[in-house]
Structure formats: structure tokens, C-alpha cells
Amino acid sequence: MSEQIGVQDGDALLIVDVQNDFLPGGGLAVPQGDQVVAPLARCINIFHQHGQPIYATRDWHPADHCSFQAQGGPWPPHCVQDTPGAEFAPGLGLAAFVMVVSKATDSGKDAYSGFEGTHLTFQLMMYGVKRLFVGGLATDYCVLATVRDALKQGIAVYVLSDAIRAVNDADGARAMEEMASLGAHFVASAALA
């Protein structure tokens, strides 16, 4: 049994892009992406019980977004604004108290990090966040970019190891190595109390 980590003042939970299009059957499915939902739902409950802030980033693309193949980008269309694919996974049980951070909303700019082109830095500062617990999709893209930027802000980052999945296993392993080398800690969601 791993050591318990008590959620306390100065902590926040950040859920990265757990949207229908990134789940099996979605427009840009992450293999086993649905497996992050249950551990993250548990974390949401814990953070809510402790009265600590919870954020959820989402890709919120216009239909002509530059990352789409039709516009010369690398990806099939995904997470188009106001479509079912852009909605959060229903199993997360996101409630009104969760703060939604929309990214890549400009058709001409892509953003992998939840900090890029958003007010997330300001929001975390406003709440005095010192430790950020991160889970979601995908390990090798948006989770990695978000963790990098959080660490640049001087925030301690705890990656929820059972609540992340990668597009590609080898890239995911490299992403985890990079996050660890930058100073991120890895913890299981079950260690939170």
C-alpha cells in the first residue's frame, strides 16, 4: 500500500481533455482512454469533499481548426465546439463547481497545454495553488505539455499514474520519463485521501 497523500489547502485537481472524441469510438480515440474516467471521478469527489479547486481542460475547436487534416494539420476533426464529441465523458460526473478551461479555440492556433492561451495560470495563482494533481488524456501530448507548463510556474506537480493514457505506448513512456526528469511526482489516485 502506497503512502496516503492528504488533500489540503493549496492543492488543486486538473483533469486534461477527458472528452468523448478522445475515448474509444471517438474521432481521435486514445487507446483505453475510458480507463481514466473512474479514477478521476474518485479524485473529483475527494477534492470536492476537501473544498479544493477542480479544473477541467478541453479542446474546444472551431470546425476549421488548423490542427485538422483538411487544414493541413496532423489530426482528424475532433472536439469541435458544441458537438457531442467535445463533451466531457459523462462518467466523470463533472458538476457546476468544476472550472472549465477551453483551449485551442482560435482556428489559426493550436494548443496542447492547458496553460496556452487560457487564464489557468491566473486562476491557480488566485487560489494559491501550490500542488497540482494532474490526470487525463493523452500522456504523450496534452498531459505532457500541461505538466511542463505547470512546473515552469513553480507549482509542484503530481501526475495520477493510473489516470493517464497515451496515444502511443512508447511515446507515453518517454513523456513520463520527461515529466519525472522535470520534477513531476507520480502517484496513484488511490493514494489520495
C-alpha atoms as a PDB file:
ATOM      1  CA  MET A   1       0.000   0.000   0.000  1.00  0.00           C
ATOM      2  CA  SER A   2       1.449   3.329  -1.015  1.00  0.00           C
ATOM      3  CA  GLU A   3       1.651   6.219   1.401  1.00  0.00           C
ATOM      4  CA  GLN A   4      -1.518   8.302   1.625  1.00  0.00           C
ATOM      5  CA  ILE A   5      -1.437  11.899   0.449  1.00  0.00           C
ATOM      6  CA  GLY A   6      -3.883  14.120   2.266  1.00  0.00           C
ATOM      7  CA  VAL A   7      -5.575  16.725   0.079  1.00  0.00           C
ATOM      8  CA  GLN A   8      -5.130  20.126   1.733  1.00  0.00           C
ATOM      9  CA  ASP A   9      -5.359  23.868   1.192  1.00  0.00           C
ATOM     10  CA  GLY A  10      -3.160  24.877  -1.728  1.00  0.00           C
ATOM     11  CA  ASP A  11      -3.986  21.728  -3.722  1.00  0.00           C
ATOM     12  CA  ALA A  12      -5.946  21.572  -6.984  1.00  0.00           C
ATOM     13  CA  LEU A  13      -7.042  18.835  -9.360  1.00  0.00           C
ATOM     14  CA  LEU A  14      -6.563  19.319 -13.095  1.00  0.00           C
ATOM     15  CA  ILE A  15      -8.351  16.966 -15.496  1.00  0.00           C
ATOM     16  CA  VAL A  16      -6.912  17.178 -19.001  1.00  0.00           C
ATOM     17  CA  ASP A  17      -9.181  16.710 -22.040  1.00  0.00           C
ATOM     18  CA  VAL A  18     -11.314  13.747 -20.935  1.00  0.00           C
ATOM     19  CA  GLN A  19     -13.731  14.319 -23.815  1.00  0.00           C
ATOM     20  CA  ASN A  20     -15.832  11.916 -25.862  1.00  0.00           C
ATOM     21  CA  ASP A  21     -13.724  12.280 -29.015  1.00  0.00           C
ATOM     22  CA  PHE A  22     -10.655  11.023 -27.115  1.00  0.00           C
ATOM     23  CA  LEU A  23     -12.457   7.941 -25.767  1.00  0.00           C
ATOM     24  CA  PRO A  24     -12.865   4.642 -27.663  1.00  0.00           C
ATOM     25  CA  GLY A  25     -15.222   5.246 -30.592  1.00  0.00           C
ATOM     26  CA  GLY A  26     -14.412   8.958 -30.718  1.00  0.00           C
ATOM     27  CA  GLY A  27     -12.953  10.970 -33.588  1.00  0.00           C
ATOM     28  CA  LEU A  28      -9.411  10.820 -32.168  1.00  0.00           C
ATOM     29  CA  ALA A  29      -9.601   7.934 -29.708  1.00  0.00           C
ATOM     30  CA  VAL A  30      -6.808   7.307 -27.216  1.00  0.00           C
ATOM     31  CA  PRO A  31      -6.390   3.534 -26.656  1.00  0.00           C
ATOM     32  CA  GLN A  32      -8.050   2.637 -23.332  1.00  0.00           C
ATOM     33  CA  GLY A  33      -8.793   6.320 -22.768  1.00  0.00           C
ATOM     34  CA  ASP A  34     -12.005   5.397 -20.987  1.00  0.00           C
ATOM     35  CA  GLN A  35      -9.944   3.777 -18.198  1.00  0.00           C
ATOM     36  CA  VAL A  36      -9.045   7.203 -16.771  1.00  0.00           C
ATOM     37  CA  VAL A  37     -12.687   8.069 -16.039  1.00  0.00           C
ATOM     38  CA  ALA A  38     -13.286   6.045 -12.855  1.00  0.00           C
ATOM     39  CA  PRO A  39     -10.080   7.079 -11.013  1.00  0.00           C
ATOM     40  CA  LEU A  40     -10.654  10.728 -11.977  1.00  0.00           C
ATOM     41  CA  ALA A  41     -14.277  10.604 -10.810  1.00  0.00           C
ATOM     42  CA  ARG A  42     -12.998   9.380  -7.445  1.00  0.00           C
ATOM     43  CA  CYS A  43     -10.449  12.234  -7.316  1.00  0.00           C
ATOM     44  CA  ILE A  44     -13.175  14.771  -8.129  1.00  0.00           C
ATOM     45  CA  ASN A  45     -15.156  13.537  -5.117  1.00  0.00           C
ATOM     46  CA  ILE A  46     -12.126  13.755  -2.818  1.00  0.00           C
ATOM     47  CA  PHE A  47     -11.173  17.283  -3.908  1.00  0.00           C
ATOM     48  CA  HIS A  48     -14.786  18.428  -3.657  1.00  0.00           C
ATOM     49  CA  GLN A  49     -15.116  16.986  -0.132  1.00  0.00           C
ATOM     50  CA  HIS A  50     -11.993  18.936   0.872  1.00  0.00           C
ATOM     51  CA  GLY A  51     -13.283  22.133  -0.781  1.00  0.00           C
ATOM     52  CA  GLN A  52     -10.287  22.395  -3.094  1.00  0.00           C
ATOM     53  CA  PRO A  53     -10.496  23.698  -6.688  1.00  0.00           C
ATOM     54  CA  ILE A  54     -11.034  21.377  -9.641  1.00  0.00           C
ATOM     55  CA  TYR A  55     -10.266  22.331 -13.230  1.00  0.00           C
ATOM     56  CA  ALA A  56     -11.059  20.505 -16.449  1.00  0.00           C
ATOM     57  CA  THR A  57      -9.364  21.488 -19.694  1.00  0.00           C
ATOM     58  CA  ARG A  58     -10.990  20.769 -23.022  1.00  0.00           C
ATOM     59  CA  ASP A  59     -10.112  21.104 -26.664  1.00  0.00           C
ATOM     60  CA  TRP A  60     -12.788  23.464 -27.966  1.00  0.00           C
ATOM     61  CA  HIS A  61     -12.010  23.732 -31.653  1.00  0.00           C
ATOM     62  CA  PRO A  62     -13.766  25.693 -34.374  1.00  0.00           C
ATOM     63  CA  ALA A  63     -14.790  23.464 -37.299  1.00  0.00           C
ATOM     64  CA  ASP A  64     -11.920  24.811 -39.447  1.00  0.00           C
ATOM     65  CA  HIS A  65      -9.198  24.405 -36.808  1.00  0.00           C
ATOM     66  CA  CYS A  66      -5.604  24.406 -38.079  1.00  0.00           C
ATOM     67  CA  SER A  67      -4.830  21.049 -36.403  1.00  0.00           C
ATOM     68  CA  PHE A  68      -7.343  19.236 -38.645  1.00  0.00           C
ATOM     69  CA  GLN A  69      -6.125  17.351 -41.708  1.00  0.00           C
ATOM     70  CA  ALA A  70      -8.419  19.347 -44.033  1.00  0.00           C
ATOM     71  CA  GLN A  71      -6.490  22.483 -42.990  1.00  0.00           C
ATOM     72  CA  GLY A  72      -3.097  20.758 -43.327  1.00  0.00           C
ATOM     73  CA  GLY A  73      -2.828  19.680 -39.686  1.00  0.00           C
ATOM     74  CA  PRO A  74      -1.948  16.225 -38.344  1.00  0.00           C
ATOM     75  CA  TRP A  75      -5.296  15.194 -36.809  1.00  0.00           C
ATOM     76  CA  PRO A  76      -8.757  14.154 -37.929  1.00  0.00           C
ATOM     77  CA  PRO A  77     -11.509  16.530 -36.796  1.00  0.00           C
ATOM     78  CA  HIS A  78     -12.127  16.267 -33.044  1.00  0.00           C
ATOM     79  CA  CYS A  79     -13.664  18.198 -30.163  1.00  0.00           C
ATOM     80  CA  VAL A  80     -15.457  20.689 -32.405  1.00  0.00           C
ATOM     81  CA  GLN A  81     -17.272  23.300 -30.327  1.00  0.00           C
ATOM     82  CA  ASP A  82     -20.829  22.384 -29.309  1.00  0.00           C
ATOM     83  CA  THR A  83     -20.678  18.823 -30.698  1.00  0.00           C
ATOM     84  CA  PRO A  84     -21.159  15.599 -28.711  1.00  0.00           C
ATOM     85  CA  GLY A  85     -17.500  14.717 -29.320  1.00  0.00           C
ATOM     86  CA  ALA A  86     -16.372  17.825 -27.433  1.00  0.00           C
ATOM     87  CA  GLU A  87     -18.447  16.988 -24.351  1.00  0.00           C
ATOM     88  CA  PHE A  88     -16.745  15.668 -21.229  1.00  0.00           C
ATOM     89  CA  ALA A  89     -17.006  11.938 -20.564  1.00  0.00           C
ATOM     90  CA  PRO A  90     -20.332  11.527 -18.739  1.00  0.00           C
ATOM     91  CA  GLY A  91     -18.823   9.128 -16.203  1.00  0.00           C
ATOM     92  CA  LEU A  92     -16.670  11.909 -14.740  1.00  0.00           C
ATOM     93  CA  GLY A  93     -19.752  13.392 -13.120  1.00  0.00           C
ATOM     94  CA  LEU A  94     -18.484  16.934 -13.601  1.00  0.00           C
ATOM     95  CA  ALA A  95     -20.656  19.370 -11.684  1.00  0.00           C
ATOM     96  CA  ALA A  96     -21.095  23.134 -11.710  1.00  0.00           C
ATOM     97  CA  PHE A  97     -18.252  23.584  -9.209  1.00  0.00           C
ATOM     98  CA  VAL A  98     -15.672  22.353 -11.755  1.00  0.00           C
ATOM     99  CA  MET A  99     -13.941  25.206 -13.592  1.00  0.00           C
ATOM    100  CA  VAL A 100     -13.763  24.539 -17.340  1.00  0.00           C
ATOM    101  CA  VAL A 101     -10.695  25.750 -19.233  1.00  0.00           C
ATOM    102  CA  SER A 102     -11.225  25.871 -23.029  1.00  0.00           C
ATOM    103  CA  LYS A 103      -8.126  25.756 -25.220  1.00  0.00           C
ATOM    104  CA  ALA A 104      -7.297  25.892 -28.937  1.00  0.00           C
ATOM    105  CA  THR A 105     -10.423  27.977 -29.541  1.00  0.00           C
ATOM    106  CA  ASP A 106      -8.816  30.064 -32.314  1.00  0.00           C
ATOM    107  CA  SER A 107      -8.916  28.411 -35.755  1.00  0.00           C
ATOM    108  CA  GLY A 108      -5.359  29.562 -36.521  1.00  0.00           C
ATOM    109  CA  LYS A 109      -3.626  28.433 -33.303  1.00  0.00           C
ATOM    110  CA  ASP A 110      -3.182  25.029 -31.724  1.00  0.00           C
ATOM    111  CA  ALA A 111      -2.615  24.498 -28.008  1.00  0.00           C
ATOM    112  CA  TYR A 112      -1.673  21.273 -26.287  1.00  0.00           C
ATOM    113  CA  SER A 113      -1.091  22.786 -22.851  1.00  0.00           C
ATOM    114  CA  GLY A 114      -3.985  23.817 -20.644  1.00  0.00           C
ATOM    115  CA  PHE A 115      -1.980  26.979 -19.896  1.00  0.00           C
ATOM    116  CA  GLU A 116      -1.586  28.080 -23.518  1.00  0.00           C
ATOM    117  CA  GLY A 117      -3.918  30.940 -24.427  1.00  0.00           C
ATOM    118  CA  THR A 118      -6.032  30.439 -21.267  1.00  0.00           C
ATOM    119  CA  HIS A 119      -6.410  32.063 -17.846  1.00  0.00           C
ATOM    120  CA  LEU A 120      -5.313  28.932 -15.982  1.00  0.00           C
ATOM    121  CA  THR A 121      -2.123  30.489 -14.563  1.00  0.00           C
ATOM    122  CA  PHE A 122      -4.134  33.394 -13.147  1.00  0.00           C
ATOM    123  CA  GLN A 123      -6.779  31.074 -11.709  1.00  0.00           C
ATOM    124  CA  LEU A 124      -4.213  28.878  -9.951  1.00  0.00           C
ATOM    125  CA  MET A 125      -2.475  31.952  -8.530  1.00  0.00           C
ATOM    126  CA  MET A 126      -5.812  33.355  -7.361  1.00  0.00           C
ATOM    127  CA  TYR A 127      -6.489  30.144  -5.408  1.00  0.00           C
ATOM    128  CA  GLY A 128      -2.942  29.976  -4.047  1.00  0.00           C
ATOM    129  CA  VAL A 129      -2.324  26.572  -5.622  1.00  0.00           C
ATOM    130  CA  LYS A 130       0.997  25.035  -4.588  1.00  0.00           C
ATOM    131  CA  ARG A 131       0.370  21.387  -5.588  1.00  0.00           C
ATOM    132  CA  LEU A 132      -1.386  20.377  -8.789  1.00  0.00           C
ATOM    133  CA  PHE A 133      -2.678  16.823  -9.278  1.00  0.00           C
ATOM    134  CA  VAL A 134      -2.985  16.029 -12.988  1.00  0.00           C
ATOM    135  CA  GLY A 135      -4.709  13.234 -14.896  1.00  0.00           C
ATOM    136  CA  GLY A 136      -6.325  12.803 -18.289  1.00  0.00           C
ATOM    137  CA  LEU A 137      -5.530  12.445 -21.976  1.00  0.00           C
ATOM    138  CA  ALA A 138      -3.206  11.991 -23.640  1.00  0.00           C
ATOM    139  CA  THR A 139       0.007  11.322 -21.713  1.00  0.00           C
ATOM    140  CA  ASP A 140       2.247  11.993 -24.717  1.00  0.00           C
ATOM    141  CA  TYR A 141       0.533  15.214 -25.844  1.00  0.00           C
ATOM    142  CA  CYS A 142      -1.715  17.434 -23.742  1.00  0.00           C
ATOM    143  CA  VAL A 143      -0.848  15.935 -20.340  1.00  0.00           C
ATOM    144  CA  LEU A 144       2.888  16.313 -21.034  1.00  0.00           C
ATOM    145  CA  ALA A 145       2.545  19.890 -22.339  1.00  0.00           C
ATOM    146  CA  THR A 146       0.354  20.900 -19.384  1.00  0.00           C
ATOM    147  CA  VAL A 147       2.703  19.344 -16.803  1.00  0.00           C
ATOM    148  CA  ARG A 148       5.703  21.083 -18.412  1.00  0.00           C
ATOM    149  CA  ASP A 149       3.970  24.464 -18.140  1.00  0.00           C
ATOM    150  CA  ALA A 150       2.778  23.888 -14.563  1.00  0.00           C
ATOM    151  CA  LEU A 151       6.322  23.071 -13.486  1.00  0.00           C
ATOM    152  CA  LYS A 152       7.582  26.244 -15.221  1.00  0.00           C
ATOM    153  CA  GLN A 153       5.159  28.171 -12.970  1.00  0.00           C
ATOM    154  CA  GLY A 154       6.913  26.726  -9.920  1.00  0.00           C
ATOM    155  CA  ILE A 155       3.947  24.545  -8.966  1.00  0.00           C
ATOM    156  CA  ALA A 156       4.605  21.068  -7.565  1.00  0.00           C
ATOM    157  CA  VAL A 157       3.009  18.556  -9.933  1.00  0.00           C
ATOM    158  CA  TYR A 158       1.679  15.118  -9.020  1.00  0.00           C
ATOM    159  CA  VAL A 159       0.728  13.040 -12.062  1.00  0.00           C
ATOM    160  CA  LEU A 160      -2.008  10.494 -11.332  1.00  0.00           C
ATOM    161  CA  SER A 161      -0.293   7.438 -12.807  1.00  0.00           C
ATOM    162  CA  ASP A 162      -3.447   5.308 -13.120  1.00  0.00           C
ATOM    163  CA  ALA A 163      -5.477   8.166 -14.631  1.00  0.00           C
ATOM    164  CA  ILE A 164      -3.447   8.869 -17.776  1.00  0.00           C
ATOM    165  CA  ARG A 165      -3.295   7.053 -21.117  1.00  0.00           C
ATOM    166  CA  ALA A 166      -1.101   7.635 -24.168  1.00  0.00           C
ATOM    167  CA  VAL A 167      -1.804   7.708 -27.893  1.00  0.00           C
ATOM    168  CA  ASN A 168       1.350   5.621 -28.345  1.00  0.00           C
ATOM    169  CA  ASP A 169       2.845   3.463 -25.568  1.00  0.00           C
ATOM    170  CA  ALA A 170       6.484   4.219 -26.407  1.00  0.00           C
ATOM    171  CA  ASP A 171       5.790   7.971 -26.624  1.00  0.00           C
ATOM    172  CA  GLY A 172       3.852   7.725 -23.378  1.00  0.00           C
ATOM    173  CA  ALA A 173       6.804   6.104 -21.620  1.00  0.00           C
ATOM    174  CA  ARG A 174       9.123   8.846 -22.949  1.00  0.00           C
ATOM    175  CA  ALA A 175       6.654  11.509 -21.803  1.00  0.00           C
ATOM    176  CA  MET A 176       6.587  10.023 -18.292  1.00  0.00           C
ATOM    177  CA  GLU A 177      10.389   9.977 -18.202  1.00  0.00           C
ATOM    178  CA  GLU A 178      10.490  13.617 -19.280  1.00  0.00           C
ATOM    179  CA  MET A 179       7.902  14.681 -16.692  1.00  0.00           C
ATOM    180  CA  ALA A 180       9.857  12.880 -13.964  1.00  0.00           C
ATOM    181  CA  SER A 181      13.139  14.466 -15.110  1.00  0.00           C
ATOM    182  CA  LEU A 182      11.500  17.901 -14.905  1.00  0.00           C
ATOM    183  CA  GLY A 183      10.467  17.236 -11.312  1.00  0.00           C
ATOM    184  CA  ALA A 184       6.938  15.796 -11.524  1.00  0.00           C
ATOM    185  CA  HIS A 185       5.947  13.158  -8.960  1.00  0.00           C
ATOM    186  CA  PHE A 186       3.874  10.104  -9.872  1.00  0.00           C
ATOM    187  CA  VAL A 187       1.149   8.891  -7.515  1.00  0.00           C
ATOM    188  CA  ALA A 188      -1.782   6.511  -7.786  1.00  0.00           C
ATOM    189  CA  SER A 189      -5.222   8.069  -7.406  1.00  0.00           C
ATOM    190  CA  ALA A 190      -5.889   5.603  -4.567  1.00  0.00           C
ATOM    191  CA  ALA A 191      -3.154   7.324  -2.531  1.00  0.00           C
ATOM    192  CA  LEU A 192      -5.262  10.481  -2.245  1.00  0.00           C
ATOM    193  CA  ALA A 193      -7.331  10.931   0.883  1.00  0.00           C
END
